[in-house]
PDB file of all heavy atoms in Angstrom:
ATOM      1  N   TYR A   1     -40.131  22.240 -59.756  1.00  0.00           N
ATOM      2  CA  TYR A   1     -41.303  22.059 -58.927  1.00  0.00           C
ATOM      3  C   TYR A   1     -42.536  21.585 -59.774  1.00  0.00           C
ATOM      4  O   TYR A   1     -43.655  21.549 -59.234  1.00  0.00           O
ATOM      5  CB  TYR A   1     -41.663  23.299 -58.177  1.00  0.00           C
ATOM      6  CG  TYR A   1     -40.618  23.647 -57.088  1.00  0.00           C
ATOM      7  CD1 TYR A   1     -39.753  24.692 -57.216  1.00  0.00           C
ATOM      8  CD2 TYR A   1     -40.605  22.870 -55.921  1.00  0.00           C
ATOM      9  CE1 TYR A   1     -38.829  24.984 -56.214  1.00  0.00           C
ATOM     10  CE2 TYR A   1     -39.703  23.162 -54.929  1.00  0.00           C
ATOM     11  CZ  TYR A   1     -38.762  24.206 -55.057  1.00  0.00           C
ATOM     12  OH  TYR A   1     -37.845  24.490 -54.078  1.00  0.00           O
ATOM     13  N   GLY A   2     -42.300  21.338 -61.010  1.00  0.00           N
ATOM     14  CA  GLY A   2     -43.414  20.801 -61.840  1.00  0.00           C
ATOM     15  C   GLY A   2     -44.467  21.802 -62.209  1.00  0.00           C
ATOM     16  O   GLY A   2     -45.597  21.435 -62.477  1.00  0.00           O
ATOM     17  N   VAL A   3     -44.103  23.068 -62.299  1.00  0.00           N
ATOM     18  CA  VAL A   3     -45.089  24.112 -62.696  1.00  0.00           C
ATOM     19  C   VAL A   3     -44.503  24.884 -63.864  1.00  0.00           C
ATOM     20  O   VAL A   3     -44.706  26.088 -63.996  1.00  0.00           O
ATOM     21  CB  VAL A   3     -45.397  25.003 -61.502  1.00  0.00           C
ATOM     22  CG1 VAL A   3     -46.278  24.297 -60.508  1.00  0.00           C
ATOM     23  CG2 VAL A   3     -44.167  25.602 -60.859  1.00  0.00           C
ATOM     24  N   ALA A   4     -43.767  24.157 -64.737  1.00  0.00           N
ATOM     25  CA  ALA A   4     -43.056  24.832 -65.846  1.00  0.00           C
ATOM     26  C   ALA A   4     -43.991  25.572 -66.815  1.00  0.00           C
ATOM     27  O   ALA A   4     -43.578  26.517 -67.413  1.00  0.00           O
ATOM     28  CB  ALA A   4     -42.206  23.818 -66.595  1.00  0.00           C
ATOM     29  N   GLY A   5     -45.207  25.080 -66.953  1.00  0.00           N
ATOM     30  CA  GLY A   5     -46.137  25.704 -67.866  1.00  0.00           C
ATOM     31  C   GLY A   5     -46.717  26.993 -67.406  1.00  0.00           C
ATOM     32  O   GLY A   5     -47.278  27.786 -68.165  1.00  0.00           O
ATOM     33  N   ALA A   6     -46.608  27.264 -66.110  1.00  0.00           N
ATOM     34  CA  ALA A   6     -47.166  28.479 -65.494  1.00  0.00           C
ATOM     35  C   ALA A   6     -46.322  29.698 -65.832  1.00  0.00           C
ATOM     36  O   ALA A   6     -45.137  29.596 -66.092  1.00  0.00           O
ATOM     37  CB  ALA A   6     -47.273  28.305 -64.000  1.00  0.00           C
ATOM     38  N   GLU A   7     -46.972  30.838 -65.847  1.00  0.00           N
ATOM     39  CA  GLU A   7     -46.272  32.085 -66.082  1.00  0.00           C
ATOM     40  C   GLU A   7     -45.210  32.308 -65.054  1.00  0.00           C
ATOM     41  O   GLU A   7     -45.350  32.050 -63.856  1.00  0.00           O
ATOM     42  CB  GLU A   7     -47.231  33.271 -66.054  1.00  0.00           C
ATOM     43  CG  GLU A   7     -46.599  34.566 -66.418  1.00  0.00           C
ATOM     44  CD  GLU A   7     -47.605  35.733 -66.411  1.00  0.00           C
ATOM     45  OE1 GLU A   7     -48.781  35.429 -66.225  1.00  0.00           O
ATOM     46  OE2 GLU A   7     -47.188  36.858 -66.632  1.00  0.00           O
ATOM     47  N   ASP A   8     -43.988  32.715 -65.516  1.00  0.00           N
ATOM     48  CA  ASP A   8     -42.841  32.947 -64.624  1.00  0.00           C
ATOM     49  C   ASP A   8     -42.498  31.691 -63.827  1.00  0.00           C
ATOM     50  O   ASP A   8     -42.035  31.772 -62.676  1.00  0.00           O
ATOM     51  CB  ASP A   8     -43.112  34.129 -63.640  1.00  0.00           C
ATOM     52  CG  ASP A   8     -42.346  35.344 -64.080  1.00  0.00           C
ATOM     53  OD1 ASP A   8     -41.495  35.267 -64.992  1.00  0.00           O
ATOM     54  OD2 ASP A   8     -42.606  36.407 -63.480  1.00  0.00           O
ATOM     55  N   GLY A   9     -42.683  30.525 -64.368  1.00  0.00           N
ATOM     56  CA  GLY A   9     -42.251  29.309 -63.730  1.00  0.00           C
ATOM     57  C   GLY A   9     -43.094  28.978 -62.498  1.00  0.00           C
ATOM     58  O   GLY A   9     -42.560  28.281 -61.594  1.00  0.00           O
ATOM     59  N   GLY A  10     -44.324  29.466 -62.407  1.00  0.00           N
ATOM     60  CA  GLY A  10     -45.125  29.200 -61.263  1.00  0.00           C
ATOM     61  C   GLY A  10     -44.730  30.043 -60.037  1.00  0.00           C
ATOM     62  O   GLY A  10     -45.279  29.808 -58.934  1.00  0.00           O
ATOM     63  N   ILE A  11     -43.863  31.000 -60.263  1.00  0.00           N
ATOM     64  CA  ILE A  11     -43.426  31.845 -59.145  1.00  0.00           C
ATOM     65  C   ILE A  11     -44.474  32.977 -58.949  1.00  0.00           C
ATOM     66  O   ILE A  11     -44.801  33.673 -59.822  1.00  0.00           O
ATOM     67  CB  ILE A  11     -42.058  32.454 -59.466  1.00  0.00           C
ATOM     68  CG1 ILE A  11     -41.016  31.386 -59.577  1.00  0.00           C
ATOM     69  CG2 ILE A  11     -41.631  33.517 -58.398  1.00  0.00           C
ATOM     70  CD1 ILE A  11     -39.699  31.828 -60.236  1.00  0.00           C
ATOM     71  N   LYS A  12     -44.985  33.075 -57.736  1.00  0.00           N
ATOM     72  CA  LYS A  12     -46.010  34.069 -57.468  1.00  0.00           C
ATOM     73  C   LYS A  12     -45.433  35.517 -57.393  1.00  0.00           C
ATOM     74  O   LYS A  12     -46.036  36.457 -57.878  1.00  0.00           O
ATOM     75  CB  LYS A  12     -46.741  33.742 -56.178  1.00  0.00           C
ATOM     76  CG  LYS A  12     -47.613  32.504 -56.286  1.00  0.00           C
ATOM     77  CD  LYS A  12     -48.415  32.259 -54.965  1.00  0.00           C
ATOM     78  CE  LYS A  12     -49.300  31.039 -55.115  1.00  0.00           C
ATOM     79  NZ  LYS A  12     -50.059  30.749 -53.887  1.00  0.00           N
ATOM     80  N   PHE A  13     -44.243  35.613 -56.745  1.00  0.00           N
ATOM     81  CA  PHE A  13     -43.646  36.938 -56.615  1.00  0.00           C
ATOM     82  C   PHE A  13     -42.136  36.754 -56.671  1.00  0.00           C
ATOM     83  O   PHE A  13     -41.586  35.725 -56.165  1.00  0.00           O
ATOM     84  CB  PHE A  13     -44.025  37.611 -55.298  1.00  0.00           C
ATOM     85  CG  PHE A  13     -45.463  37.930 -55.186  1.00  0.00           C
ATOM     86  CD1 PHE A  13     -46.361  37.041 -54.519  1.00  0.00           C
ATOM     87  CD2 PHE A  13     -46.008  39.083 -55.721  1.00  0.00           C
ATOM     88  CE1 PHE A  13     -47.701  37.321 -54.395  1.00  0.00           C
ATOM     89  CE2 PHE A  13     -47.354  39.354 -55.664  1.00  0.00           C
ATOM     90  CZ  PHE A  13     -48.212  38.503 -54.975  1.00  0.00           C
ATOM     91  N   SER A  14     -41.444  37.747 -57.275  1.00  0.00           N
ATOM     92  CA  SER A  14     -39.980  37.704 -57.306  1.00  0.00           C
ATOM     93  C   SER A  14     -39.412  38.919 -56.622  1.00  0.00           C
ATOM     94  O   SER A  14     -39.907  40.053 -56.800  1.00  0.00           O
ATOM     95  CB  SER A  14     -39.535  37.703 -58.826  1.00  0.00           C
ATOM     96  OG  SER A  14     -39.941  36.499 -59.461  1.00  0.00           O
ATOM     97  N   TYR A  15     -38.377  38.681 -55.848  1.00  0.00           N
ATOM     98  CA  TYR A  15     -37.780  39.719 -54.992  1.00  0.00           C
ATOM     99  C   TYR A  15     -36.261  39.765 -55.175  1.00  0.00           C
ATOM    100  O   TYR A  15     -35.648  38.886 -55.727  1.00  0.00           O
ATOM    101  CB  TYR A  15     -38.097  39.494 -53.528  1.00  0.00           C
ATOM    102  CG  TYR A  15     -39.606  39.550 -53.257  1.00  0.00           C
ATOM    103  CD1 TYR A  15     -40.321  38.422 -53.001  1.00  0.00           C
ATOM    104  CD2 TYR A  15     -40.268  40.777 -53.237  1.00  0.00           C
ATOM    105  CE1 TYR A  15     -41.693  38.436 -52.734  1.00  0.00           C
ATOM    106  CE2 TYR A  15     -41.616  40.818 -52.944  1.00  0.00           C
ATOM    107  CZ  TYR A  15     -42.337  39.700 -52.713  1.00  0.00           C
ATOM    108  OH  TYR A  15     -43.687  39.756 -52.416  1.00  0.00           O
ATOM    109  N   TYR A  16     -35.717  40.863 -54.636  1.00  0.00           N
ATOM    110  CA  TYR A  16     -34.256  41.051 -54.650  1.00  0.00           C
ATOM    111  C   TYR A  16     -33.829  41.697 -53.365  1.00  0.00           C
ATOM    112  O   TYR A  16     -34.521  42.649 -52.881  1.00  0.00           O
ATOM    113  CB  TYR A  16     -33.843  41.922 -55.833  1.00  0.00           C
ATOM    114  CG  TYR A  16     -32.341  42.125 -56.030  1.00  0.00           C
ATOM    115  CD1 TYR A  16     -31.609  41.235 -56.793  1.00  0.00           C
ATOM    116  CD2 TYR A  16     -31.688  43.120 -55.324  1.00  0.00           C
ATOM    117  CE1 TYR A  16     -30.260  41.400 -56.885  1.00  0.00           C
ATOM    118  CE2 TYR A  16     -30.317  43.245 -55.458  1.00  0.00           C
ATOM    119  CZ  TYR A  16     -29.582  42.415 -56.227  1.00  0.00           C
ATOM    120  OH  TYR A  16     -28.220  42.546 -56.342  1.00  0.00           O
ATOM    121  N   ALA A  17     -32.730  41.267 -52.770  1.00  0.00           N
ATOM    122  CA  ALA A  17     -32.186  41.893 -51.579  1.00  0.00           C
ATOM    123  C   ALA A  17     -30.684  41.799 -51.570  1.00  0.00           C
ATOM    124  O   ALA A  17     -30.119  40.688 -51.625  1.00  0.00           O
ATOM    125  CB  ALA A  17     -32.813  41.219 -50.323  1.00  0.00           C
ATOM    126  N   SER A  18     -30.011  42.950 -51.467  1.00  0.00           N
ATOM    127  CA  SER A  18     -28.542  42.953 -51.452  1.00  0.00           C
ATOM    128  C   SER A  18     -28.071  44.372 -51.094  1.00  0.00           C
ATOM    129  O   SER A  18     -28.858  45.318 -50.998  1.00  0.00           O
ATOM    130  CB  SER A  18     -27.969  42.479 -52.757  1.00  0.00           C
ATOM    131  OG  SER A  18     -26.591  42.158 -52.601  1.00  0.00           O
ATOM    132  N   CYS A  19     -26.771  44.501 -51.008  1.00  0.00           N
ATOM    133  CA  CYS A  19     -26.155  45.772 -50.571  1.00  0.00           C
ATOM    134  C   CYS A  19     -24.930  46.097 -51.413  1.00  0.00           C
ATOM    135  O   CYS A  19     -24.346  45.196 -52.016  1.00  0.00           O
ATOM    136  CB  CYS A  19     -25.784  45.666 -49.081  1.00  0.00           C
ATOM    137  SG  CYS A  19     -25.385  47.256 -48.303  1.00  0.00           S
ATOM    138  N   SER A  20     -24.579  47.362 -51.440  1.00  0.00           N
ATOM    139  CA  SER A  20     -23.351  47.833 -52.106  1.00  0.00           C
ATOM    140  C   SER A  20     -23.423  47.653 -53.617  1.00  0.00           C
ATOM    141  O   SER A  20     -24.423  48.032 -54.260  1.00  0.00           O
ATOM    142  CB  SER A  20     -22.080  47.190 -51.505  1.00  0.00           C
ATOM    143  OG  SER A  20     -20.934  47.878 -51.861  1.00  0.00           O
ATOM    144  N   THR A  21     -22.469  46.954 -54.245  1.00  0.00           N
ATOM    145  CA  THR A  21     -22.614  46.621 -55.669  1.00  0.00           C
ATOM    146  C   THR A  21     -23.866  45.783 -55.852  1.00  0.00           C
ATOM    147  O   THR A  21     -24.542  45.910 -56.882  1.00  0.00           O
ATOM    148  CB  THR A  21     -21.338  45.857 -56.151  1.00  0.00           C
ATOM    149  OG1 THR A  21     -20.277  46.765 -56.273  1.00  0.00           O
ATOM    150  CG2 THR A  21     -21.609  45.212 -57.506  1.00  0.00           C
ATOM    151  N   GLY A  22     -24.218  44.964 -54.894  1.00  0.00           N
ATOM    152  CA  GLY A  22     -25.465  44.227 -54.965  1.00  0.00           C
ATOM    153  C   GLY A  22     -26.623  45.159 -55.065  1.00  0.00           C
ATOM    154  O   GLY A  22     -27.622  44.828 -55.773  1.00  0.00           O
ATOM    155  N   GLY A  23     -26.595  46.275 -54.378  1.00  0.00           N
ATOM    156  CA  GLY A  23     -27.646  47.285 -54.509  1.00  0.00           C
ATOM    157  C   GLY A  23     -27.746  47.848 -55.894  1.00  0.00           C
ATOM    158  O   GLY A  23     -28.802  48.033 -56.457  1.00  0.00           O
ATOM    159  N   ARG A  24     -26.556  48.138 -56.511  1.00  0.00           N
ATOM    160  CA  ARG A  24     -26.513  48.610 -57.885  1.00  0.00           C
ATOM    161  C   ARG A  24     -27.095  47.575 -58.840  1.00  0.00           C
ATOM    162  O   ARG A  24     -27.898  47.908 -59.746  1.00  0.00           O
ATOM    163  CB  ARG A  24     -25.107  48.966 -58.280  1.00  0.00           C
ATOM    164  CG  ARG A  24     -24.986  49.330 -59.786  1.00  0.00           C
ATOM    165  CD  ARG A  24     -23.596  49.324 -60.298  1.00  0.00           C
ATOM    166  NE  ARG A  24     -22.958  48.013 -60.304  1.00  0.00           N
ATOM    167  CZ  ARG A  24     -23.177  47.079 -61.233  1.00  0.00           C
ATOM    168  NH1 ARG A  24     -24.111  47.288 -62.152  1.00  0.00           N
ATOM    169  NH2 ARG A  24     -22.590  45.907 -61.159  1.00  0.00           N
ATOM    170  N   GLN A  25     -26.753  46.327 -58.648  1.00  0.00           N
ATOM    171  CA  GLN A  25     -27.243  45.267 -59.538  1.00  0.00           C
ATOM    172  C   GLN A  25     -28.746  45.201 -59.545  1.00  0.00           C
ATOM    173  O   GLN A  25     -29.375  45.041 -60.583  1.00  0.00           O
ATOM    174  CB  GLN A  25     -26.654  43.916 -59.083  1.00  0.00           C
ATOM    175  CG  GLN A  25     -25.163  43.797 -59.360  1.00  0.00           C
ATOM    176  CD  GLN A  25     -24.612  42.544 -58.708  1.00  0.00           C
ATOM    177  OE1 GLN A  25     -24.732  42.322 -57.505  1.00  0.00           O
ATOM    178  NE2 GLN A  25     -24.007  41.674 -59.480  1.00  0.00           N
ATOM    179  N   GLY A  26     -29.369  45.299 -58.348  1.00  0.00           N
ATOM    180  CA  GLY A  26     -30.819  45.213 -58.277  1.00  0.00           C
ATOM    181  C   GLY A  26     -31.480  46.391 -58.947  1.00  0.00           C
ATOM    182  O   GLY A  26     -32.482  46.256 -59.691  1.00  0.00           O
ATOM    183  N   LEU A  27     -30.955  47.593 -58.716  1.00  0.00           N
ATOM    184  CA  LEU A  27     -31.510  48.797 -59.340  1.00  0.00           C
ATOM    185  C   LEU A  27     -31.351  48.764 -60.857  1.00  0.00           C
ATOM    186  O   LEU A  27     -32.293  49.093 -61.629  1.00  0.00           O
ATOM    187  CB  LEU A  27     -30.854  50.046 -58.749  1.00  0.00           C
ATOM    188  CG  LEU A  27     -31.181  50.366 -57.325  1.00  0.00           C
ATOM    189  CD1 LEU A  27     -30.239  51.481 -56.819  1.00  0.00           C
ATOM    190  CD2 LEU A  27     -32.621  50.852 -57.209  1.00  0.00           C
ATOM    191  N   ARG A  28     -30.186  48.298 -61.326  1.00  0.00           N
ATOM    192  CA  ARG A  28     -29.942  48.281 -62.772  1.00  0.00           C
ATOM    193  C   ARG A  28     -30.854  47.249 -63.427  1.00  0.00           C
ATOM    194  O   ARG A  28     -31.403  47.488 -64.524  1.00  0.00           O
ATOM    195  CB  ARG A  28     -28.510  47.928 -63.063  1.00  0.00           C
ATOM    196  CG  ARG A  28     -28.107  48.157 -64.556  1.00  0.00           C
ATOM    197  CD  ARG A  28     -28.248  49.581 -64.922  1.00  0.00           C
ATOM    198  NE  ARG A  28     -27.945  49.880 -66.325  1.00  0.00           N
ATOM    199  CZ  ARG A  28     -28.678  50.631 -67.139  1.00  0.00           C
ATOM    200  NH1 ARG A  28     -29.812  51.159 -66.661  1.00  0.00           N
ATOM    201  NH2 ARG A  28     -28.341  50.848 -68.373  1.00  0.00           N
ATOM    202  N   GLU A  29     -31.099  46.150 -62.755  1.00  0.00           N
ATOM    203  CA  GLU A  29     -31.961  45.093 -63.348  1.00  0.00           C
ATOM    204  C   GLU A  29     -33.393  45.616 -63.539  1.00  0.00           C
ATOM    205  O   GLU A  29     -33.959  45.386 -64.585  1.00  0.00           O
ATOM    206  CB  GLU A  29     -31.958  43.850 -62.483  1.00  0.00           C
ATOM    207  CG  GLU A  29     -32.828  42.718 -62.956  1.00  0.00           C
ATOM    208  CD  GLU A  29     -32.372  42.073 -64.289  1.00  0.00           C
ATOM    209  OE1 GLU A  29     -31.202  42.349 -64.672  1.00  0.00           O
ATOM    210  OE2 GLU A  29     -33.135  41.310 -64.874  1.00  0.00           O
ATOM    211  N   ILE A  30     -33.949  46.318 -62.562  1.00  0.00           N
ATOM    212  CA  ILE A  30     -35.351  46.741 -62.725  1.00  0.00           C
ATOM    213  C   ILE A  30     -35.420  47.936 -63.672  1.00  0.00           C
ATOM    214  O   ILE A  30     -36.503  48.227 -64.220  1.00  0.00           O
ATOM    215  CB  ILE A  30     -36.027  47.080 -61.391  1.00  0.00           C
ATOM    216  CG1 ILE A  30     -35.289  48.170 -60.618  1.00  0.00           C
ATOM    217  CG2 ILE A  30     -36.130  45.793 -60.582  1.00  0.00           C
ATOM    218  CD1 ILE A  30     -35.986  48.636 -59.365  1.00  0.00           C
ATOM    219  N   GLN A  31     -34.321  48.701 -63.878  1.00  0.00           N
ATOM    220  CA  GLN A  31     -34.319  49.760 -64.878  1.00  0.00           C
ATOM    221  C   GLN A  31     -34.350  49.167 -66.278  1.00  0.00           C
ATOM    222  O   GLN A  31     -35.058  49.682 -67.161  1.00  0.00           O
ATOM    223  CB  GLN A  31     -33.096  50.629 -64.672  1.00  0.00           C
ATOM    224  CG  GLN A  31     -33.172  51.469 -63.415  1.00  0.00           C
ATOM    225  CD  GLN A  31     -31.857  52.217 -63.101  1.00  0.00           C
ATOM    226  OE1 GLN A  31     -30.898  52.116 -63.854  1.00  0.00           O
ATOM    227  NE2 GLN A  31     -31.827  52.974 -62.012  1.00  0.00           N
ATOM    228  N   LEU A  32     -33.555  48.118 -66.486  1.00  0.00           N
ATOM    229  CA  LEU A  32     -33.502  47.500 -67.842  1.00  0.00           C
ATOM    230  C   LEU A  32     -34.638  46.515 -68.048  1.00  0.00           C
ATOM    231  O   LEU A  32     -35.087  46.372 -69.177  1.00  0.00           O
ATOM    232  CB  LEU A  32     -32.138  46.784 -67.974  1.00  0.00           C
ATOM    233  CG  LEU A  32     -30.874  47.678 -68.027  1.00  0.00           C
ATOM    234  CD1 LEU A  32     -29.629  46.800 -67.944  1.00  0.00           C
ATOM    235  CD2 LEU A  32     -30.855  48.512 -69.294  1.00  0.00           C
ATOM    236  N   HIS A  33     -35.068  45.845 -67.003  1.00  0.00           N
ATOM    237  CA  HIS A  33     -36.060  44.777 -67.127  1.00  0.00           C
ATOM    238  C   HIS A  33     -37.046  44.909 -65.966  1.00  0.00           C
ATOM    239  O   HIS A  33     -36.919  44.206 -64.984  1.00  0.00           O
ATOM    240  CB  HIS A  33     -35.378  43.422 -67.119  1.00  0.00           C
ATOM    241  CG  HIS A  33     -34.270  43.301 -68.114  1.00  0.00           C
ATOM    242  ND1 HIS A  33     -34.442  43.120 -69.459  1.00  0.00           N
ATOM    243  CD2 HIS A  33     -32.923  43.370 -67.923  1.00  0.00           C
ATOM    244  CE1 HIS A  33     -33.293  43.056 -70.073  1.00  0.00           C
ATOM    245  NE2 HIS A  33     -32.345  43.212 -69.182  1.00  0.00           N
ATOM    246  N   PRO A  34     -38.028  45.790 -66.064  1.00  0.00           N
ATOM    247  CA  PRO A  34     -38.899  46.065 -64.931  1.00  0.00           C
ATOM    248  C   PRO A  34     -39.793  44.892 -64.449  1.00  0.00           C
ATOM    249  O   PRO A  34     -40.331  44.986 -63.381  1.00  0.00           O
ATOM    250  CB  PRO A  34     -39.803  47.205 -65.455  1.00  0.00           C
ATOM    251  CG  PRO A  34     -39.709  47.196 -66.940  1.00  0.00           C
ATOM    252  CD  PRO A  34     -38.320  46.654 -67.249  1.00  0.00           C
ATOM    253  N   ASP A  35     -39.872  43.844 -65.277  1.00  0.00           N
ATOM    254  CA  ASP A  35     -40.672  42.674 -64.859  1.00  0.00           C
ATOM    255  C   ASP A  35     -39.835  41.613 -64.146  1.00  0.00           C
ATOM    256  O   ASP A  35     -40.366  40.573 -63.726  1.00  0.00           O
ATOM    257  CB  ASP A  35     -41.351  42.049 -66.132  1.00  0.00           C
ATOM    258  CG  ASP A  35     -40.370  41.618 -67.158  1.00  0.00           C
ATOM    259  OD1 ASP A  35     -39.173  42.076 -67.118  1.00  0.00           O
ATOM    260  OD2 ASP A  35     -40.728  40.822 -68.035  1.00  0.00           O
ATOM    261  N   SER A  36     -38.557  41.871 -63.905  1.00  0.00           N
ATOM    262  CA  SER A  36     -37.740  40.866 -63.254  1.00  0.00           C
ATOM    263  C   SER A  36     -38.119  40.675 -61.762  1.00  0.00           C
ATOM    264  O   SER A  36     -38.176  39.572 -61.305  1.00  0.00           O
ATOM    265  CB  SER A  36     -36.254  41.238 -63.339  1.00  0.00           C
ATOM    266  OG  SER A  36     -35.767  41.006 -64.643  1.00  0.00           O
TER     267      SER A  36
END
């Protein structure tokens, strides 16, 4: 999108939505990398 120089690729907010093992993946990611 041509905003490569911006922090986090110009992304204003990052989210996650899933269920089951997908739920585990989201929880584990924010435990290991809280800024994801």
